[in-house]
């Protein structure tokens, strides 16, 4: 039976023995989705590790149990953007399908996702009554691409007129654009004082503009490091991504991804890797650069100061 996602499965990449699969977002949903993903982790893989992310995820688990900081993850859940590395512990084989939402999409699709970070929510709570039929259809679907079709149809139905999802998505993008303009010194963002703008930004994104930009820059850095882009290692990568120097980049990667960059690269080459999300992320579209403004250097007694 022909399906839009089935046609695109030719582009799916396999990630080692864990059988994670990346499926490009359908063209009509690219304003809303970064990708669709099938996850099938054997029982031998004890956990999955995600870096801090400005994107969020909609996941339906078909088999296994997953815990985050000791709390069970709902079978159908939305995982918000995060400001730190996150570890999900597995119990048994974990099989799931999901969608990676673009940063501006979550609060546009689900009003109660506005301003939420470092959290997970049951999809029944987030999407309300319509979700029950969606989850039932996902579980009843004959294969993974059919399940992803169901999830994509849910997004299409959610954003279809007379929904105001598109208007909310554009508002989110306007906030990001204004934050970038403020860094470039082009005037008050959206006609607001700096403090007023930051409050509005935090209310929508759940984090301050600078923090968002730092995490978005990390995501861009990891994409370039794992996507086999020529000249994307070491000092050259740091400069290209807007870091003060390589050690500054290294501090951000350790703090926000949990390990040094080279350790992450080495770990993902193993047949079973808890860092498989980095392999999947490298197959999405290139991340736009997010370069926070360069802060002034603070004097230190032993060495020239570097930007934090």
Protein backbone atom coordinates (compact mmCIF):
# COMPACT_ATOMS: atom_id res chain seq x y z
CA UNK A 1 0.00 0.00 0.00
CA UNK A 2 1.64 3.30 -1.04
CA UNK A 3 2.34 5.74 1.76
CA UNK A 4 4.20 9.03 1.74
CA UNK A 5 6.50 7.95 4.54
CA UNK A 6 7.05 4.50 3.00
CA UNK A 7 8.41 6.17 -0.12
CA UNK A 8 10.85 8.14 1.98
CA UNK A 9 12.04 5.09 3.92
CA UNK A 10 14.64 4.57 1.21
CA UNK A 11 16.52 7.39 2.89
CA UNK A 12 16.41 5.76 6.31
CA UNK A 13 19.78 5.07 7.89
CA UNK A 14 20.53 2.23 10.27
CA UNK A 15 22.44 3.02 13.43
CA UNK A 16 24.29 -0.13 14.42
CA UNK A 17 22.78 -3.09 16.21
CA UNK A 18 20.26 -0.94 18.05
CA UNK A 19 18.24 -0.51 14.84
CA UNK A 20 17.40 3.15 15.34
CA UNK A 21 15.98 4.57 12.14
CA UNK A 22 15.73 8.11 10.92
CA UNK A 23 12.89 9.13 8.59
CA UNK A 24 12.91 12.63 7.07
CA UNK A 25 9.91 14.78 7.85
CA UNK A 26 7.31 14.87 5.06
CA UNK A 27 7.65 18.12 3.06
CA UNK A 28 4.32 19.55 4.24
CA UNK A 29 5.28 19.02 7.89
CA UNK A 30 8.82 20.39 7.75
CA UNK A 31 7.75 23.66 9.44
CA UNK A 32 6.70 21.49 12.39
CA UNK A 33 8.99 18.45 12.42
CA UNK A 34 12.72 17.86 12.28
CA UNK A 35 12.34 14.12 11.72
CA UNK A 36 10.47 10.95 12.52
CA UNK A 37 12.28 8.18 14.38
CA UNK A 38 11.90 4.45 15.02
CA UNK A 39 13.74 3.18 18.10
CA UNK A 40 14.37 -0.52 18.77
CA UNK A 41 16.93 -0.92 21.55
CA UNK A 42 17.87 -4.44 22.70
CA UNK A 43 17.78 -5.30 26.38
CA UNK A 44 21.59 -5.10 26.44
CA UNK A 45 21.42 -1.32 25.99
CA UNK A 46 20.75 -0.12 29.53
CA UNK A 47 20.08 3.53 28.79
CA UNK A 48 19.79 6.35 26.27
CA UNK A 49 21.56 9.67 26.77
CA UNK A 50 20.39 12.92 25.24
CA UNK A 51 22.21 16.26 25.25
CA UNK A 52 20.49 19.49 26.19
CA UNK A 53 18.14 20.31 23.31
CA UNK A 54 15.94 23.15 22.10
CA UNK A 55 13.80 20.60 20.23
CA UNK A 56 11.20 18.38 21.87
CA UNK A 57 9.88 14.88 21.17
CA UNK A 58 6.52 13.13 20.85
CA UNK A 59 7.06 9.41 21.58
CA UNK A 60 4.81 6.34 21.69
CA UNK A 61 6.46 3.32 23.29
CA UNK A 62 5.43 -0.09 22.01
CA UNK A 63 7.54 -2.32 24.26
CA UNK A 64 9.72 -2.06 27.37
CA UNK A 65 9.85 0.33 30.30
CA UNK A 66 11.75 3.62 30.54
CA UNK A 67 12.63 5.64 33.62
CA UNK A 68 13.89 9.22 33.92
CA UNK A 69 15.43 10.08 37.29
CA UNK A 70 13.62 7.10 38.73
CA UNK A 71 10.18 8.15 37.46
CA UNK A 72 8.42 6.02 34.82
CA UNK A 73 8.04 7.67 31.42
CA UNK A 74 4.44 7.45 30.11
CA UNK A 75 3.92 5.08 27.19
CA UNK A 76 2.80 8.03 25.07
CA UNK A 77 4.71 11.12 26.14
CA UNK A 78 5.95 14.53 25.12
CA UNK A 79 9.53 15.24 26.22
CA UNK A 80 10.15 18.97 26.39
CA UNK A 81 13.23 20.95 25.48
CA UNK A 82 15.98 20.50 28.07
CA UNK A 83 18.71 22.66 29.58
CA UNK A 84 20.95 19.76 30.62
CA UNK A 85 21.92 16.27 29.50
CA UNK A 86 19.21 13.68 30.22
CA UNK A 87 19.55 9.94 30.85
CA UNK A 88 16.67 7.53 30.26
CA UNK A 89 17.12 4.10 31.90
CA UNK A 90 15.79 1.07 30.02
CA UNK A 91 14.12 -2.01 31.44
CA UNK A 92 14.16 -4.73 28.81
CA UNK A 93 13.95 -4.19 25.07
CA UNK A 94 12.63 -0.74 24.24
CA UNK A 95 10.66 -0.28 21.03
CA UNK A 96 9.12 3.11 20.19
CA UNK A 97 8.16 5.45 17.39
CA UNK A 98 8.22 9.21 17.60
CA UNK A 99 8.45 12.65 16.07
CA UNK A 100 11.14 15.25 16.76
CA UNK A 101 9.35 18.60 16.92
CA UNK A 102 11.01 21.78 15.77
CA UNK A 103 11.71 24.18 18.68
CA UNK A 104 8.95 26.59 17.70
CA UNK A 105 6.39 23.82 17.16
CA UNK A 106 5.62 22.46 20.64
CA UNK A 107 3.95 25.51 22.19
CA UNK A 108 2.18 26.20 18.88
CA UNK A 109 0.71 22.70 18.79
CA UNK A 110 -0.08 22.39 22.50
CA UNK A 111 -0.94 25.48 24.54
CA UNK A 112 0.07 23.85 27.82
CA UNK A 113 3.60 23.23 26.48
CA UNK A 114 4.30 26.97 26.53
CA UNK A 115 7.16 27.82 28.87
CA UNK A 116 7.85 24.18 29.80
CA UNK A 117 11.40 22.78 29.91
CA UNK A 118 13.04 19.75 31.55
CA UNK A 119 9.71 17.94 31.75
CA UNK A 120 7.71 15.10 30.30
CA UNK A 121 3.94 15.06 29.92
CA UNK A 122 1.51 12.27 29.02
CA UNK A 123 0.17 12.94 25.55
CA UNK A 124 -3.37 12.37 26.82
CA UNK A 125 -2.86 15.32 29.16
CA UNK A 126 -1.16 17.51 26.57
CA UNK A 127 -3.41 16.86 23.56
CA UNK A 128 -6.68 16.11 25.36
CA UNK A 129 -9.50 13.85 24.23
CA UNK A 130 -8.42 13.45 20.55
CA UNK A 131 -5.26 11.65 21.63
CA UNK A 132 -7.00 8.42 22.70
CA UNK A 133 -7.95 7.54 19.11
CA UNK A 134 -4.46 8.45 17.86
CA UNK A 135 -2.73 6.19 20.36
CA UNK A 136 -5.15 3.36 19.59
CA UNK A 137 -4.41 3.68 15.86
CA UNK A 138 -0.65 3.76 16.46
CA UNK A 139 -0.77 0.55 18.49
CA UNK A 140 -3.02 -1.15 15.92
CA UNK A 141 -0.93 -0.15 12.89
CA UNK A 142 0.78 -3.07 11.10
CA UNK A 143 4.33 -1.64 10.93
CA UNK A 144 6.53 1.30 11.87
CA UNK A 145 5.94 3.45 8.80
CA UNK A 146 2.18 3.02 9.26
CA UNK A 147 2.58 4.11 12.89
CA UNK A 148 4.54 7.17 11.82
CA UNK A 149 1.81 7.94 9.29
CA UNK A 150 -0.71 8.01 12.14
CA UNK A 151 1.44 10.45 14.13
CA UNK A 152 1.97 12.67 11.09
CA UNK A 153 -1.75 12.72 10.40
CA UNK A 154 -2.29 13.80 14.01
CA UNK A 155 0.01 16.79 13.45
CA UNK A 156 -1.75 17.65 10.18
CA UNK A 157 -5.15 17.55 11.87
CA UNK A 158 -3.89 19.66 14.77
CA UNK A 159 -2.50 22.47 12.58
CA UNK A 160 -5.29 22.48 9.98
CA UNK A 161 -7.54 25.58 9.84
CA UNK A 162 -9.33 26.96 11.72
CA UNK A 163 -6.58 26.15 14.22
CA UNK A 164 -4.40 29.11 15.25
CA UNK A 165 -1.30 26.90 15.51
CA UNK A 166 0.42 28.64 12.60
CA UNK A 167 -0.04 32.05 14.21
CA UNK A 168 1.50 30.79 17.46
CA UNK A 169 4.39 29.25 15.54
CA UNK A 170 5.13 32.56 13.83
CA UNK A 171 5.00 34.35 17.19
CA UNK A 172 7.62 31.97 18.53
CA UNK A 173 9.85 32.61 15.52
CA UNK A 174 9.40 36.36 15.99
CA UNK A 175 10.70 36.04 19.56
CA UNK A 176 13.78 34.17 18.33
CA UNK A 177 14.40 36.76 15.63
CA UNK A 178 14.04 39.60 18.12
CA UNK A 179 16.49 37.91 20.49
CA UNK A 180 19.04 37.71 17.68
CA UNK A 181 18.47 41.35 16.75
CA UNK A 182 18.96 42.41 20.37
CA UNK A 183 22.35 40.66 20.42
CA UNK A 184 23.35 42.56 17.30
CA UNK A 185 22.52 45.86 18.98
CA UNK A 186 19.88 46.93 16.47
CA UNK A 187 17.57 48.46 19.06
CA UNK A 188 15.02 47.43 21.67
CA UNK A 189 13.53 44.01 20.83
CA UNK A 190 9.87 44.28 19.82
CA UNK A 191 9.74 47.78 21.30
CA UNK A 192 10.24 46.41 24.82
CA UNK A 193 12.86 47.07 27.43
CA UNK A 194 15.48 44.34 27.85
CA UNK A 195 13.84 43.13 31.05
CA UNK A 196 10.34 43.11 29.55
CA UNK A 197 11.55 41.19 26.51
CA UNK A 198 13.36 38.60 28.62
CA UNK A 199 10.21 38.01 30.69
CA UNK A 200 8.18 37.51 27.51
CA UNK A 201 10.81 35.18 26.07
CA UNK A 202 11.02 33.09 29.25
CA UNK A 203 7.23 32.85 29.43
CA UNK A 204 7.19 31.28 25.96
CA UNK A 205 10.41 29.27 25.82
CA UNK A 206 10.96 28.42 29.49
CA UNK A 207 14.51 29.80 29.44
CA UNK A 208 16.23 33.15 28.93
CA UNK A 209 17.34 34.19 25.42
CA UNK A 210 21.03 33.67 26.21
CA UNK A 211 20.42 30.18 27.56
CA UNK A 212 18.38 29.26 24.51
CA UNK A 213 21.14 30.51 22.21
CA UNK A 214 23.83 28.59 24.12
CA UNK A 215 21.87 25.32 23.83
CA UNK A 216 20.98 25.94 20.18
CA UNK A 217 24.68 26.55 19.49
CA UNK A 218 25.52 23.25 21.21
CA UNK A 219 22.97 21.44 19.02
CA UNK A 220 24.50 23.02 15.93
CA UNK A 221 28.00 22.07 17.10
CA UNK A 222 27.03 18.46 17.69
CA UNK A 223 25.32 18.28 14.30
CA UNK A 224 28.47 19.48 12.53
CA UNK A 225 30.70 17.18 14.59
CA UNK A 226 28.64 14.06 13.85
CA UNK A 227 27.46 14.76 10.30
CA UNK A 228 30.91 14.20 8.73
CA UNK A 229 31.10 17.78 7.50
CA UNK A 230 34.68 18.53 6.35
CA UNK A 231 36.63 20.85 8.64
CA UNK A 232 34.35 20.37 11.63
CA UNK A 233 36.77 19.35 14.36
CA UNK A 234 38.82 21.10 16.97
CA UNK A 235 39.59 24.78 16.83
CA UNK A 236 38.06 25.25 13.38
CA UNK A 237 34.73 23.88 14.58
CA UNK A 238 34.85 26.09 17.68
CA UNK A 239 35.45 29.25 15.66
CA UNK A 240 32.84 28.33 13.06
CA UNK A 241 30.22 27.85 15.77
CA UNK A 242 31.00 31.17 17.44
CA UNK A 243 32.91 29.97 20.50
CA UNK A 244 35.72 32.05 21.91
CA UNK A 245 38.12 29.12 21.55
CA UNK A 246 38.27 25.33 21.59
CA UNK A 247 38.36 25.08 25.39
CA UNK A 248 35.20 27.19 25.60
CA UNK A 249 33.48 24.79 23.21
CA UNK A 250 34.77 21.85 25.25
CA UNK A 251 33.32 23.24 28.48
CA UNK A 252 29.91 23.73 26.89
CA UNK A 253 29.88 20.22 25.40
CA UNK A 254 30.85 18.60 28.72
CA UNK A 255 28.33 20.67 30.66
CA UNK A 256 25.40 20.26 28.26
CA UNK A 257 26.06 16.87 26.65
CA UNK A 258 27.65 15.10 29.61
CA UNK A 259 30.99 14.09 28.10
CA UNK A 260 33.88 15.57 26.09
CA UNK A 261 33.24 15.78 22.36
CA UNK A 262 35.85 13.18 21.39
CA UNK A 263 34.44 10.73 23.94
CA UNK A 264 30.99 11.18 22.42
CA UNK A 265 32.34 10.61 18.91
CA UNK A 266 34.19 7.48 20.01
CA UNK A 267 31.20 6.10 21.92
CA UNK A 268 28.82 6.44 18.97
CA UNK A 269 31.08 4.21 16.86
CA UNK A 270 30.29 1.23 19.10
CA UNK A 271 27.68 -1.31 17.91
CA UNK A 272 25.56 -0.41 20.95
CA UNK A 273 25.73 3.20 22.09
CA UNK A 274 23.68 5.05 24.66
CA UNK A 275 24.39 8.16 22.60
CA UNK A 276 22.44 6.94 19.56
CA UNK A 277 20.37 10.19 19.64
CA UNK A 278 23.50 11.97 18.36
CA UNK A 279 23.66 9.58 15.41
CA UNK A 280 20.02 10.25 14.61
CA UNK A 281 20.44 14.01 15.10
CA UNK A 282 23.30 14.11 12.60
CA UNK A 283 20.88 13.01 9.87
CA UNK A 284 18.48 15.91 10.34
CA UNK A 285 18.80 19.15 8.42
CA UNK A 286 21.81 21.35 9.34
CA UNK A 287 21.23 23.38 12.50
CA UNK A 288 21.33 27.16 12.05
CA UNK A 289 24.10 28.85 13.94
CA UNK A 290 23.07 30.46 17.23
CA UNK A 291 25.88 32.70 18.36
CA UNK A 292 25.42 34.53 21.66
CA UNK A 293 27.05 37.93 21.75
CA UNK A 294 30.65 37.92 22.91
CA UNK A 295 30.83 38.93 26.58
CA UNK A 296 33.67 41.03 27.81
CA UNK A 297 36.67 39.27 29.23
CA UNK A 298 37.06 39.30 32.98
CA UNK A 299 40.58 39.57 34.39
CA UNK A 300 41.97 36.46 36.01
CA UNK A 301 45.23 36.26 37.95
CA UNK A 302 46.93 33.43 36.04
CA UNK A 303 45.67 33.51 32.46
CA UNK A 304 43.63 35.53 30.00
CA UNK A 305 39.95 35.03 30.71
CA UNK A 306 37.79 33.15 28.30
CA UNK A 307 34.13 33.67 27.67
CA UNK A 308 31.79 31.44 29.65
